[in-house]
């Protein structure tokens, strides 16, 4: 049984996958290139991707706004204007697998498996 779902889009997917590997099992990574398209799907599909009772963490480098309809918490960047190669910007902004892993563990303390509220209800 999965303990946590990590949702990411674009360049953040590789960070989410690396964090899930560090987690050592029990993490599922979902690539969600279009949140609005996901939200248009029927409830049975949405709940198959984001099961009830499982903590959901979004990893977002652009803006954390809007993720509360999908995730219980967002590990993200809410500032603008950094200019450097992506790996340098990600490291400078804390968007690393190690930091996402820390956030995953903190989220699981707050929402242990089977105890996470439905997404969008926070």
PDB file of N, CA and C in Angstrom:
ATOM      1  N   UNK A   1       0.842  -1.192   0.000  1.00  0.00           N
ATOM      2  CA  UNK A   1       0.000   0.000   0.000  1.00  0.00           C
ATOM      3  C   UNK A   1       0.881   1.246   0.000  1.00  0.00           C
ATOM      4  N   UNK A   2       0.536   2.194  -0.849  1.00  0.00           N
ATOM      5  CA  UNK A   2       1.279   3.439  -0.920  1.00  0.00           C
ATOM      6  C   UNK A   2       0.946   4.299   0.291  1.00  0.00           C
ATOM      7  N   UNK A   3       1.950   4.998   0.800  1.00  0.00           N
ATOM      8  CA  UNK A   3       1.776   5.858   1.960  1.00  0.00           C
ATOM      9  C   UNK A   3       1.595   7.313   1.571  1.00  0.00           C
ATOM     10  N   UNK A   4       2.120   7.680   0.402  1.00  0.00           N
ATOM     11  CA  UNK A   4       2.086   9.072  -0.019  1.00  0.00           C
ATOM     12  C   UNK A   4       2.109   9.129  -1.540  1.00  0.00           C
ATOM     13  N   UNK A   5       1.429  10.144  -2.080  1.00  0.00           N
ATOM     14  CA  UNK A   5       1.462  10.411  -3.517  1.00  0.00           C
ATOM     15  C   UNK A   5       2.143  11.753  -3.706  1.00  0.00           C
ATOM     16  N   UNK A   6       3.114  11.789  -4.606  1.00  0.00           N
ATOM     17  CA  UNK A   6       3.827  13.023  -4.924  1.00  0.00           C
ATOM     18  C   UNK A   6       3.447  13.409  -6.344  1.00  0.00           C
ATOM     19  N   UNK A   7       2.835  14.576  -6.487  1.00  0.00           N
ATOM     20  CA  UNK A   7       2.368  15.060  -7.779  1.00  0.00           C
ATOM     21  C   UNK A   7       3.316  16.158  -8.259  1.00  0.00           C
ATOM     22  N   UNK A   8       3.687  16.076  -9.520  1.00  0.00           N
ATOM     23  CA  UNK A   8       4.588  17.089 -10.078  1.00  0.00           C
ATOM     24  C   UNK A   8       4.266  17.286 -11.549  1.00  0.00           C
ATOM     25  N   UNK A   9       4.769  18.374 -12.079  1.00  0.00           N
ATOM     26  CA  UNK A   9       4.563  18.681 -13.478  1.00  0.00           C
ATOM     27  C   UNK A   9       5.858  19.216 -14.066  1.00  0.00           C
ATOM     28  N   UNK A  10       6.153  18.874 -15.267  1.00  0.00           N
ATOM     29  CA  UNK A  10       7.327  19.414 -15.953  1.00  0.00           C
ATOM     30  C   UNK A  10       8.637  19.016 -15.307  1.00  0.00           C
ATOM     31  N   UNK A  11       9.514  20.008 -15.131  1.00  0.00           N
ATOM     32  CA  UNK A  11      10.863  19.739 -14.635  1.00  0.00           C
ATOM     33  C   UNK A  11      10.874  19.232 -13.201  1.00  0.00           C
ATOM     34  N   UNK A  12       9.796  19.403 -12.475  1.00  0.00           N
ATOM     35  CA  UNK A  12       9.733  18.942 -11.096  1.00  0.00           C
ATOM     36  C   UNK A  12       9.565  17.428 -10.988  1.00  0.00           C
ATOM     37  N   UNK A  13       9.127  16.770 -12.062  1.00  0.00           N
ATOM     38  CA  UNK A  13       8.897  15.325 -12.023  1.00  0.00           C
ATOM     39  C   UNK A  13      10.180  14.584 -11.662  1.00  0.00           C
ATOM     40  N   UNK A  14      11.295  14.995 -12.218  1.00  0.00           N
ATOM     41  CA  UNK A  14      12.556  14.310 -11.914  1.00  0.00           C
ATOM     42  C   UNK A  14      12.932  14.462 -10.444  1.00  0.00           C
ATOM     43  N   UNK A  15      12.645  15.613  -9.855  1.00  0.00           N
ATOM     44  CA  UNK A  15      12.905  15.823  -8.429  1.00  0.00           C
ATOM     45  C   UNK A  15      11.988  14.921  -7.601  1.00  0.00           C
ATOM     46  N   UNK A  16      10.716  14.838  -7.992  1.00  0.00           N
ATOM     47  CA  UNK A  16       9.758  13.989  -7.281  1.00  0.00           C
ATOM     48  C   UNK A  16      10.169  12.520  -7.353  1.00  0.00           C
ATOM     49  N   UNK A  17      10.599  12.070  -8.513  1.00  0.00           N
ATOM     50  CA  UNK A  17      11.035  10.679  -8.665  1.00  0.00           C
ATOM     51  C   UNK A  17      12.258  10.402  -7.795  1.00  0.00           C
ATOM     52  N   UNK A  18      13.216  11.309  -7.797  1.00  0.00           N
ATOM     53  CA  UNK A  18      14.412  11.129  -6.980  1.00  0.00           C
ATOM     54  C   UNK A  18      14.059  11.083  -5.489  1.00  0.00           C
ATOM     55  N   UNK A  19      13.140  11.946  -5.056  1.00  0.00           N
ATOM     56  CA  UNK A  19      12.712  11.941  -3.649  1.00  0.00           C
ATOM     57  C   UNK A  19      12.000  10.636  -3.307  1.00  0.00           C
ATOM     58  N   UNK A  20      11.158  10.143  -4.218  1.00  0.00           N
ATOM     59  CA  UNK A  20      10.454   8.883  -3.988  1.00  0.00           C
ATOM     60  C   UNK A  20      11.435   7.720  -3.854  1.00  0.00           C
ATOM     61  N   UNK A  21      12.493   7.740  -4.647  1.00  0.00           N
ATOM     62  CA  UNK A  21      13.528   6.699  -4.536  1.00  0.00           C
ATOM     63  C   UNK A  21      14.227   6.785  -3.187  1.00  0.00           C
ATOM     64  N   UNK A  22      14.517   7.985  -2.728  1.00  0.00           N
ATOM     65  CA  UNK A  22      15.134   8.162  -1.415  1.00  0.00           C
ATOM     66  C   UNK A  22      14.194   7.705  -0.294  1.00  0.00           C
ATOM     67  N   UNK A  23      12.902   7.857  -0.512  1.00  0.00           N
ATOM     68  CA  UNK A  23      11.895   7.457   0.474  1.00  0.00           C
ATOM     69  C   UNK A  23      11.942   5.947   0.705  1.00  0.00           C
ATOM     70  N   UNK A  24      12.316   5.219  -0.325  1.00  0.00           N
ATOM     71  CA  UNK A  24      12.533   3.787  -0.179  1.00  0.00           C
ATOM     72  C   UNK A  24      11.295   2.920  -0.297  1.00  0.00           C
ATOM     73  N   UNK A  25      10.362   3.289  -1.097  1.00  0.00           N
ATOM     74  CA  UNK A  25       9.140   2.511  -1.281  1.00  0.00           C
ATOM     75  C   UNK A  25       7.982   3.171  -0.563  1.00  0.00           C
ATOM     76  N   UNK A  26       6.800   2.886  -1.020  1.00  0.00           N
ATOM     77  CA  UNK A  26       5.615   3.461  -0.406  1.00  0.00           C
ATOM     78  C   UNK A  26       5.237   4.817  -0.951  1.00  0.00           C
ATOM     79  N   UNK A  27       5.985   5.305  -1.932  1.00  0.00           N
ATOM     80  CA  UNK A  27       5.665   6.591  -2.548  1.00  0.00           C
ATOM     81  C   UNK A  27       5.289   6.358  -4.003  1.00  0.00           C
ATOM     82  N   UNK A  28       4.287   7.071  -4.441  1.00  0.00           N
ATOM     83  CA  UNK A  28       3.843   7.005  -5.833  1.00  0.00           C
ATOM     84  C   UNK A  28       4.015   8.393  -6.421  1.00  0.00           C
ATOM     85  N   UNK A  29       4.627   8.472  -7.589  1.00  0.00           N
ATOM     86  CA  UNK A  29       4.807   9.761  -8.262  1.00  0.00           C
ATOM     87  C   UNK A  29       3.808   9.851  -9.409  1.00  0.00           C
ATOM     88  N   UNK A  30       3.096  10.962  -9.459  1.00  0.00           N
ATOM     89  CA  UNK A  30       2.129  11.220 -10.512  1.00  0.00           C
ATOM     90  C   UNK A  30       2.582  12.439 -11.289  1.00  0.00           C
ATOM     91  N   UNK A  31       2.774  12.270 -12.578  1.00  0.00           N
ATOM     92  CA  UNK A  31       3.059  13.403 -13.454  1.00  0.00           C
ATOM     93  C   UNK A  31       1.720  13.984 -13.887  1.00  0.00           C
ATOM     94  N   UNK A  32       1.491  15.248 -13.562  1.00  0.00           N
ATOM     95  CA  UNK A  32       0.221  15.891 -13.880  1.00  0.00           C
ATOM     96  C   UNK A  32       0.479  17.125 -14.730  1.00  0.00           C
ATOM     97  N   UNK A  33       0.610  16.951 -16.038  1.00  0.00           N
ATOM     98  CA  UNK A  33       0.935  18.091 -16.893  1.00  0.00           C
ATOM     99  C   UNK A  33      -0.166  19.142 -16.972  1.00  0.00           C
ATOM    100  N   UNK A  34      -1.417  18.768 -16.655  1.00  0.00           N
ATOM    101  CA  UNK A  34      -2.513  19.739 -16.733  1.00  0.00           C
ATOM    102  C   UNK A  34      -3.518  19.475 -15.615  1.00  0.00           C
ATOM    103  N   UNK A  35      -3.441  20.271 -14.548  1.00  0.00           N
ATOM    104  CA  UNK A  35      -4.329  20.092 -13.406  1.00  0.00           C
ATOM    105  C   UNK A  35      -5.788  20.313 -13.798  1.00  0.00           C
ATOM    106  N   UNK A  36      -6.076  21.290 -14.622  1.00  0.00           N
ATOM    107  CA  UNK A  36      -7.467  21.562 -14.986  1.00  0.00           C
ATOM    108  C   UNK A  36      -8.063  20.385 -15.756  1.00  0.00           C
ATOM    109  N   UNK A  37      -7.281  19.733 -16.594  1.00  0.00           N
ATOM    110  CA  UNK A  37      -7.771  18.545 -17.305  1.00  0.00           C
ATOM    111  C   UNK A  37      -8.020  17.401 -16.321  1.00  0.00           C
ATOM    112  N   UNK A  38      -7.138  17.232 -15.360  1.00  0.00           N
ATOM    113  CA  UNK A  38      -7.333  16.207 -14.336  1.00  0.00           C
ATOM    114  C   UNK A  38      -8.635  16.457 -13.573  1.00  0.00           C
ATOM    115  N   UNK A  39      -8.889  17.706 -13.203  1.00  0.00           N
ATOM    116  CA  UNK A  39     -10.093  18.030 -12.439  1.00  0.00           C
ATOM    117  C   UNK A  39     -11.373  17.848 -13.255  1.00  0.00           C
ATOM    118  N   UNK A  40     -11.266  17.841 -14.589  1.00  0.00           N
ATOM    119  CA  UNK A  40     -12.443  17.603 -15.435  1.00  0.00           C
ATOM    120  C   UNK A  40     -12.812  16.121 -15.524  1.00  0.00           C
ATOM    121  N   UNK A  41     -11.918  15.249 -15.072  1.00  0.00           N
ATOM    122  CA  UNK A  41     -12.182  13.809 -15.142  1.00  0.00           C
ATOM    123  C   UNK A  41     -13.226  13.412 -14.103  1.00  0.00           C
ATOM    124  N   UNK A  42     -13.854  12.245 -14.304  1.00  0.00           N
ATOM    125  CA  UNK A  42     -14.857  11.792 -13.334  1.00  0.00           C
ATOM    126  C   UNK A  42     -14.197  11.389 -12.018  1.00  0.00           C
ATOM    127  N   UNK A  43     -15.011  11.356 -10.978  1.00  0.00           N
ATOM    128  CA  UNK A  43     -14.522  11.089  -9.624  1.00  0.00           C
ATOM    129  C   UNK A  43     -13.802   9.752  -9.512  1.00  0.00           C
ATOM    130  N   UNK A  44     -14.281   8.724 -10.197  1.00  0.00           N
ATOM    131  CA  UNK A  44     -13.634   7.412 -10.079  1.00  0.00           C
ATOM    132  C   UNK A  44     -12.200   7.457 -10.618  1.00  0.00           C
ATOM    133  N   UNK A  45     -11.992   8.189 -11.702  1.00  0.00           N
ATOM    134  CA  UNK A  45     -10.631   8.322 -12.236  1.00  0.00           C
ATOM    135  C   UNK A  45      -9.761   9.125 -11.273  1.00  0.00           C
ATOM    136  N   UNK A  46     -10.274  10.271 -10.816  1.00  0.00           N
ATOM    137  CA  UNK A  46      -9.494  11.118  -9.908  1.00  0.00           C
ATOM    138  C   UNK A  46      -9.098  10.351  -8.648  1.00  0.00           C
ATOM    139  N   UNK A  47     -10.030   9.567  -8.104  1.00  0.00           N
ATOM    140  CA  UNK A  47      -9.702   8.824  -6.882  1.00  0.00           C
ATOM    141  C   UNK A  47      -8.790   7.634  -7.153  1.00  0.00           C
ATOM    142  N   UNK A  48      -8.728   7.149  -8.395  1.00  0.00           N
ATOM    143  CA  UNK A  48      -7.762   6.095  -8.702  1.00  0.00           C
ATOM    144  C   UNK A  48      -6.340   6.655  -8.764  1.00  0.00           C
ATOM    145  N   UNK A  49      -6.223   7.926  -9.114  1.00  0.00           N
ATOM    146  CA  UNK A  49      -4.916   8.577  -9.182  1.00  0.00           C
ATOM    147  C   UNK A  49      -4.508   9.113  -7.801  1.00  0.00           C
ATOM    148  N   UNK A  50      -5.459   9.712  -7.105  1.00  0.00           N
ATOM    149  CA  UNK A  50      -5.221  10.273  -5.769  1.00  0.00           C
ATOM    150  C   UNK A  50      -6.175   9.586  -4.787  1.00  0.00           C
ATOM    151  N   UNK A  51      -5.805   8.403  -4.285  1.00  0.00           N
ATOM    152  CA  UNK A  51      -6.723   7.632  -3.426  1.00  0.00           C
ATOM    153  C   UNK A  51      -7.052   8.342  -2.119  1.00  0.00           C
ATOM    154  N   UNK A  52      -8.234   8.123  -1.654  1.00  0.00           N
ATOM    155  CA  UNK A  52      -8.702   8.674  -0.385  1.00  0.00           C
ATOM    156  C   UNK A  52      -7.843   8.148   0.764  1.00  0.00           C
ATOM    157  N   UNK A  53      -7.572   9.004   1.731  1.00  0.00           N
ATOM    158  CA  UNK A  53      -6.838   8.604   2.919  1.00  0.00           C
ATOM    159  C   UNK A  53      -5.327   8.618   2.774  1.00  0.00           C
ATOM    160  N   UNK A  54      -4.819   8.931   1.579  1.00  0.00           N
ATOM    161  CA  UNK A  54      -3.381   8.955   1.328  1.00  0.00           C
ATOM    162  C   UNK A  54      -2.926  10.405   1.195  1.00  0.00           C
ATOM    163  N   UNK A  55      -1.848  10.743   1.886  1.00  0.00           N
ATOM    164  CA  UNK A  55      -1.305  12.101   1.811  1.00  0.00           C
ATOM    165  C   UNK A  55      -0.841  12.406   0.387  1.00  0.00           C
ATOM    166  N   UNK A  56      -1.130  13.623  -0.063  1.00  0.00           N
ATOM    167  CA  UNK A  56      -0.735  14.062  -1.405  1.00  0.00           C
ATOM    168  C   UNK A  56       0.132  15.312  -1.269  1.00  0.00           C
ATOM    169  N   UNK A  57       1.326  15.225  -1.837  1.00  0.00           N
ATOM    170  CA  UNK A  57       2.271  16.330  -1.842  1.00  0.00           C
ATOM    171  C   UNK A  57       2.482  16.781  -3.277  1.00  0.00           C
ATOM    172  N   UNK A  58       2.326  18.066  -3.532  1.00  0.00           N
ATOM    173  CA  UNK A  58       2.636  18.621  -4.849  1.00  0.00           C
ATOM    174  C   UNK A  58       4.033  19.226  -4.796  1.00  0.00           C
ATOM    175  N   UNK A  59       4.764  19.075  -5.880  1.00  0.00           N
ATOM    176  CA  UNK A  59       6.095  19.673  -6.018  1.00  0.00           C
ATOM    177  C   UNK A  59       6.001  20.643  -7.194  1.00  0.00           C
ATOM    178  N   UNK A  60       6.172  21.930  -6.901  1.00  0.00           N
ATOM    179  CA  UNK A  60       5.902  22.961  -7.912  1.00  0.00           C
ATOM    180  C   UNK A  60       6.940  24.078  -7.850  1.00  0.00           C
ATOM    181  N   UNK A  61       7.626  24.314  -8.963  1.00  0.00           N
ATOM    182  CA  UNK A  61       8.658  25.344  -9.009  1.00  0.00           C
ATOM    183  C   UNK A  61       8.142  26.693  -9.503  1.00  0.00           C
ATOM    184  N   UNK A  62       6.949  26.756 -10.058  1.00  0.00           N
ATOM    185  CA  UNK A  62       6.471  28.017 -10.616  1.00  0.00           C
ATOM    186  C   UNK A  62       5.640  28.803  -9.606  1.00  0.00           C
ATOM    187  N   UNK A  63       4.531  28.240  -9.154  1.00  0.00           N
ATOM    188  CA  UNK A  63       3.663  28.902  -8.192  1.00  0.00           C
ATOM    189  C   UNK A  63       2.851  27.855  -7.453  1.00  0.00           C
ATOM    190  N   UNK A  64       2.779  27.980  -6.150  1.00  0.00           N
ATOM    191  CA  UNK A  64       2.024  27.005  -5.358  1.00  0.00           C
ATOM    192  C   UNK A  64       0.523  27.264  -5.408  1.00  0.00           C
ATOM    193  N   UNK A  65       0.132  28.373  -5.979  1.00  0.00           N
ATOM    194  CA  UNK A  65      -1.281  28.734  -6.073  1.00  0.00           C
ATOM    195  C   UNK A  65      -2.067  27.685  -6.857  1.00  0.00           C
ATOM    196  N   UNK A  66      -3.208  27.304  -6.322  1.00  0.00           N
ATOM    197  CA  UNK A  66      -4.106  26.390  -7.010  1.00  0.00           C
ATOM    198  C   UNK A  66      -3.948  24.928  -6.653  1.00  0.00           C
ATOM    199  N   UNK A  67      -2.837  24.551  -6.048  1.00  0.00           N
ATOM    200  CA  UNK A  67      -2.599  23.144  -5.758  1.00  0.00           C
ATOM    201  C   UNK A  67      -3.443  22.613  -4.605  1.00  0.00           C
ATOM    202  N   UNK A  68      -4.105  23.471  -3.837  1.00  0.00           N
ATOM    203  CA  UNK A  68      -4.885  22.988  -2.694  1.00  0.00           C
ATOM    204  C   UNK A  68      -6.081  22.141  -3.125  1.00  0.00           C
ATOM    205  N   UNK A  69      -6.483  22.225  -4.379  1.00  0.00           N
ATOM    206  CA  UNK A  69      -7.570  21.360  -4.852  1.00  0.00           C
ATOM    207  C   UNK A  69      -7.081  19.947  -5.137  1.00  0.00           C
ATOM    208  N   UNK A  70      -5.767  19.763  -5.176  1.00  0.00           N
ATOM    209  CA  UNK A  70      -5.156  18.478  -5.508  1.00  0.00           C
ATOM    210  C   UNK A  70      -4.385  17.904  -4.323  1.00  0.00           C
ATOM    211  N   UNK A  71      -3.671  18.751  -3.588  1.00  0.00           N
ATOM    212  CA  UNK A  71      -2.694  18.281  -2.612  1.00  0.00           C
ATOM    213  C   UNK A  71      -2.976  18.778  -1.202  1.00  0.00           C
ATOM    214  N   UNK A  72      -2.452  18.040  -0.243  1.00  0.00           N
ATOM    215  CA  UNK A  72      -2.540  18.439   1.160  1.00  0.00           C
ATOM    216  C   UNK A  72      -1.458  19.455   1.517  1.00  0.00           C
ATOM    217  N   UNK A  73      -0.374  19.449   0.740  1.00  0.00           N
ATOM    218  CA  UNK A  73       0.718  20.390   0.970  1.00  0.00           C
ATOM    219  C   UNK A  73       1.478  20.563  -0.337  1.00  0.00           C
ATOM    220  N   UNK A  74       2.111  21.722  -0.497  1.00  0.00           N
ATOM    221  CA  UNK A  74       2.915  21.988  -1.693  1.00  0.00           C
ATOM    222  C   UNK A  74       4.337  22.334  -1.269  1.00  0.00           C
ATOM    223  N   UNK A  75       5.279  21.585  -1.804  1.00  0.00           N
ATOM    224  CA  UNK A  75       6.694  21.934  -1.664  1.00  0.00           C
ATOM    225  C   UNK A  75       7.003  22.750  -2.910  1.00  0.00           C
ATOM    226  N   UNK A  76       7.126  24.068  -2.745  1.00  0.00           N
ATOM    227  CA  UNK A  76       7.240  24.876  -3.946  1.00  0.00           C
ATOM    228  C   UNK A  76       8.007  26.158  -3.783  1.00  0.00           C
ATOM    229  N   UNK A  77       8.072  26.850  -4.883  1.00  0.00           N
ATOM    230  CA  UNK A  77       8.757  28.136  -4.976  1.00  0.00           C
ATOM    231  C   UNK A  77       7.703  29.184  -5.334  1.00  0.00           C
ATOM    232  N   UNK A  78       7.652  30.242  -4.556  1.00  0.00           N
ATOM    233  CA  UNK A  78       6.709  31.323  -4.827  1.00  0.00           C
ATOM    234  C   UNK A  78       7.424  32.654  -5.005  1.00  0.00           C
ATOM    235  N   UNK A  79       8.546  32.595  -5.669  1.00  0.00           N
ATOM    236  CA  UNK A  79       9.246  33.851  -5.969  1.00  0.00           C
ATOM    237  C   UNK A  79       9.603  33.842  -7.441  1.00  0.00           C
ATOM    238  N   UNK A  80       9.904  34.992  -7.956  1.00  0.00           N
ATOM    239  CA  UNK A  80      10.134  35.131  -9.383  1.00  0.00           C
ATOM    240  C   UNK A  80      11.454  35.844  -9.619  1.00  0.00           C
ATOM    241  N   UNK A  81      12.131  35.497 -10.711  1.00  0.00           N
ATOM    242  CA  UNK A  81      13.263  36.277 -11.154  1.00  0.00           C
ATOM    243  C   UNK A  81      14.612  35.614 -11.044  1.00  0.00           C
ATOM    244  N   UNK A  82      14.690  34.377 -10.544  1.00  0.00           N
ATOM    245  CA  UNK A  82      15.990  33.711 -10.471  1.00  0.00           C
ATOM    246  C   UNK A  82      16.466  33.382 -11.877  1.00  0.00           C
ATOM    247  N   UNK A  83      17.734  33.603 -12.117  1.00  0.00           N
ATOM    248  CA  UNK A  83      18.285  33.351 -13.441  1.00  0.00           C
ATOM    249  C   UNK A  83      19.602  32.612 -13.318  1.00  0.00           C
ATOM    250  N   UNK A  84      19.586  31.384 -13.776  1.00  0.00           N
ATOM    251  CA  UNK A  84      20.774  30.527 -13.776  1.00  0.00           C
ATOM    252  C   UNK A  84      20.349  29.208 -14.402  1.00  0.00           C
ATOM    253  N   UNK A  85      21.274  28.303 -14.641  1.00  0.00           N
ATOM    254  CA  UNK A  85      20.863  26.977 -15.111  1.00  0.00           C
ATOM    255  C   UNK A  85      19.900  26.338 -14.096  1.00  0.00           C
ATOM    256  N   UNK A  86      18.918  25.622 -14.590  1.00  0.00           N
ATOM    257  CA  UNK A  86      17.862  25.057 -13.738  1.00  0.00           C
ATOM    258  C   UNK A  86      18.390  24.319 -12.511  1.00  0.00           C
ATOM    259  N   UNK A  87      19.390  23.456 -12.629  1.00  0.00           N
ATOM    260  CA  UNK A  87      19.858  22.761 -11.419  1.00  0.00           C
ATOM    261  C   UNK A  87      20.346  23.717 -10.326  1.00  0.00           C
ATOM    262  N   UNK A  88      20.968  24.821 -10.730  1.00  0.00           N
ATOM    263  CA  UNK A  88      21.434  25.802  -9.749  1.00  0.00           C
ATOM    264  C   UNK A  88      20.264  26.522  -9.085  1.00  0.00           C
ATOM    265  N   UNK A  89      19.280  26.914  -9.888  1.00  0.00           N
ATOM    266  CA  UNK A  89      18.102  27.603  -9.342  1.00  0.00           C
ATOM    267  C   UNK A  89      17.349  26.662  -8.404  1.00  0.00           C
ATOM    268  N   UNK A  90      17.148  25.414  -8.828  1.00  0.00           N
ATOM    269  CA  UNK A  90      16.444  24.442  -7.990  1.00  0.00           C
ATOM    270  C   UNK A  90      17.158  24.268  -6.654  1.00  0.00           C
ATOM    271  N   UNK A  91      18.475  24.121  -6.695  1.00  0.00           N
ATOM    272  CA  UNK A  91      19.239  23.929  -5.458  1.00  0.00           C
ATOM    273  C   UNK A  91      19.123  25.168  -4.577  1.00  0.00           C
ATOM    274  N   UNK A  92      19.284  26.354  -5.156  1.00  0.00           N
ATOM    275  CA  UNK A  92      19.209  27.604  -4.409  1.00  0.00           C
ATOM    276  C   UNK A  92      17.835  27.807  -3.765  1.00  0.00           C
ATOM    277  N   UNK A  93      16.791  27.317  -4.432  1.00  0.00           N
ATOM    278  CA  UNK A  93      15.420  27.506  -3.943  1.00  0.00           C
ATOM    279  C   UNK A  93      14.917  26.328  -3.103  1.00  0.00           C
ATOM    280  N   UNK A  94      15.777  25.354  -2.839  1.00  0.00           N
ATOM    281  CA  UNK A  94      15.367  24.228  -2.009  1.00  0.00           C
ATOM    282  C   UNK A  94      14.569  23.165  -2.735  1.00  0.00           C
ATOM    283  N   UNK A  95      14.583  23.209  -4.049  1.00  0.00           N
ATOM    284  CA  UNK A  95      13.832  22.248  -4.851  1.00  0.00           C
ATOM    285  C   UNK A  95      14.747  21.060  -5.179  1.00  0.00           C
ATOM    286  N   UNK A  96      15.111  20.321  -4.126  1.00  0.00           N
ATOM    287  CA  UNK A  96      15.981  19.162  -4.281  1.00  0.00           C
ATOM    288  C   UNK A  96      15.281  17.914  -3.764  1.00  0.00           C
ATOM    289  N   UNK A  97      15.751  16.764  -4.197  1.00  0.00           N
ATOM    290  CA  UNK A  97      15.166  15.500  -3.731  1.00  0.00           C
ATOM    291  C   UNK A  97      15.278  15.379  -2.216  1.00  0.00           C
ATOM    292  N   UNK A  98      16.397  15.778  -1.649  1.00  0.00           N
ATOM    293  CA  UNK A  98      16.573  15.687  -0.196  1.00  0.00           C
ATOM    294  C   UNK A  98      15.546  16.556   0.540  1.00  0.00           C
ATOM    295  N   UNK A  99      15.315  17.763   0.052  1.00  0.00           N
ATOM    296  CA  UNK A  99      14.352  18.651   0.704  1.00  0.00           C
ATOM    297  C   UNK A  99      12.913  18.167   0.510  1.00  0.00           C
ATOM    298  N   UNK A 100      12.612  17.640  -0.664  1.00  0.00           N
ATOM    299  CA  UNK A 100      11.271  17.083  -0.890  1.00  0.00           C
ATOM    300  C   UNK A 100      11.058  15.878   0.020  1.00  0.00           C
ATOM    301  N   UNK A 101      12.079  15.052   0.197  1.00  0.00           N
ATOM    302  CA  UNK A 101      11.984  13.909   1.108  1.00  0.00           C
ATOM    303  C   UNK A 101      11.656  14.367   2.525  1.00  0.00           C
ATOM    304  N   UNK A 102      12.312  15.414   2.991  1.00  0.00           N
ATOM    305  CA  UNK A 102      12.015  15.959   4.325  1.00  0.00           C
ATOM    306  C   UNK A 102      10.556  16.376   4.406  1.00  0.00           C
ATOM    307  N   UNK A 103      10.058  17.053   3.368  1.00  0.00           N
ATOM    308  CA  UNK A 103       8.658  17.479   3.342  1.00  0.00           C
ATOM    309  C   UNK A 103       7.720  16.275   3.329  1.00  0.00           C
ATOM    310  N   UNK A 104       8.067  15.232   2.574  1.00  0.00           N
ATOM    311  CA  UNK A 104       7.256  14.012   2.544  1.00  0.00           C
ATOM    312  C   UNK A 104       7.114  13.432   3.951  1.00  0.00           C
ATOM    313  N   UNK A 105       8.217  13.334   4.660  1.00  0.00           N
ATOM    314  CA  UNK A 105       8.196  12.757   6.013  1.00  0.00           C
ATOM    315  C   UNK A 105       7.376  13.615   6.967  1.00  0.00           C
ATOM    316  N   UNK A 106       7.521  14.942   6.861  1.00  0.00           N
ATOM    317  CA  UNK A 106       6.727  15.842   7.710  1.00  0.00           C
ATOM    318  C   UNK A 106       5.235  15.703   7.410  1.00  0.00           C
ATOM    319  N   UNK A 107       4.897  15.588   6.130  1.00  0.00           N
ATOM    320  CA  UNK A 107       3.492  15.450   5.748  1.00  0.00           C
ATOM    321  C   UNK A 107       2.915  14.145   6.284  1.00  0.00           C
ATOM    322  N   UNK A 108       3.700  13.089   6.282  1.00  0.00           N
ATOM    323  CA  UNK A 108       3.222  11.800   6.797  1.00  0.00           C
ATOM    324  C   UNK A 108       3.028  11.810   8.306  1.00  0.00           C
ATOM    325  N   UNK A 109       3.754  12.656   9.015  1.00  0.00           N
ATOM    326  CA  UNK A 109       3.505  12.805  10.453  1.00  0.00           C
ATOM    327  C   UNK A 109       2.130  13.438  10.657  1.00  0.00           C
ATOM    328  N   UNK A 110       1.829  14.431   9.836  1.00  0.00           N
ATOM    329  CA  UNK A 110       0.531  15.118   9.947  1.00  0.00           C
ATOM    330  C   UNK A 110      -0.621  14.263   9.434  1.00  0.00           C
ATOM    331  N   UNK A 111      -0.396  13.537   8.334  1.00  0.00           N
ATOM    332  CA  UNK A 111      -1.439  12.712   7.717  1.00  0.00           C
ATOM    333  C   UNK A 111      -0.923  11.290   7.529  1.00  0.00           C
ATOM    334  N   UNK A 112      -0.917  10.472   8.581  1.00  0.00           N
ATOM    335  CA  UNK A 112      -0.464   9.094   8.403  1.00  0.00           C
ATOM    336  C   UNK A 112      -1.386   8.342   7.445  1.00  0.00           C
ATOM    337  N   UNK A 113      -0.894   7.256   6.837  1.00  0.00           N
ATOM    338  CA  UNK A 113      -1.721   6.493   5.887  1.00  0.00           C
ATOM    339  C   UNK A 113      -3.093   6.171   6.476  1.00  0.00           C
ATOM    340  N   UNK A 114      -4.122   6.421   5.668  1.00  0.00           N
ATOM    341  CA  UNK A 114      -5.500   6.176   6.090  1.00  0.00           C
ATOM    342  C   UNK A 114      -6.154   7.334   6.813  1.00  0.00           C
ATOM    343  N   UNK A 115      -5.393   8.403   7.072  1.00  0.00           N
ATOM    344  CA  UNK A 115      -5.935   9.523   7.846  1.00  0.00           C
ATOM    345  C   UNK A 115      -5.900  10.864   7.134  1.00  0.00           C
ATOM    346  N   UNK A 116      -5.570  10.884   5.875  1.00  0.00           N
ATOM    347  CA  UNK A 116      -5.540  12.151   5.149  1.00  0.00           C
ATOM    348  C   UNK A 116      -6.962  12.512   4.708  1.00  0.00           C
ATOM    349  N   UNK A 117      -7.350  13.772   4.898  1.00  0.00           N
ATOM    350  CA  UNK A 117      -8.671  14.190   4.427  1.00  0.00           C
ATOM    351  C   UNK A 117      -8.723  14.187   2.899  1.00  0.00           C
ATOM    352  N   UNK A 118      -9.897  14.249   2.370  1.00  0.00           N
ATOM    353  CA  UNK A 118     -10.041  14.333   0.903  1.00  0.00           C
ATOM    354  C   UNK A 118      -9.332  15.578   0.412  1.00  0.00           C
ATOM    355  N   UNK A 119      -8.676  15.482  -0.735  1.00  0.00           N
ATOM    356  CA  UNK A 119      -8.030  16.660  -1.301  1.00  0.00           C
ATOM    357  C   UNK A 119      -9.091  17.692  -1.637  1.00  0.00           C
ATOM    358  N   UNK A 120      -8.724  18.936  -1.547  1.00  0.00           N
ATOM    359  CA  UNK A 120      -9.662  20.014  -1.816  1.00  0.00           C
ATOM    360  C   UNK A 120     -10.490  20.393  -0.593  1.00  0.00           C
ATOM    361  N   UNK A 121     -10.313  19.661   0.535  1.00  0.00           N
ATOM    362  CA  UNK A 121     -11.115  19.955   1.713  1.00  0.00           C
ATOM    363  C   UNK A 121     -10.318  20.652   2.802  1.00  0.00           C
ATOM    364  N   UNK A 122      -9.113  21.092   2.488  1.00  0.00           N
ATOM    365  CA  UNK A 122      -8.265  21.703   3.509  1.00  0.00           C
ATOM    366  C   UNK A 122      -8.539  23.174   3.663  1.00  0.00           C
TER     367      UNK A 122
END
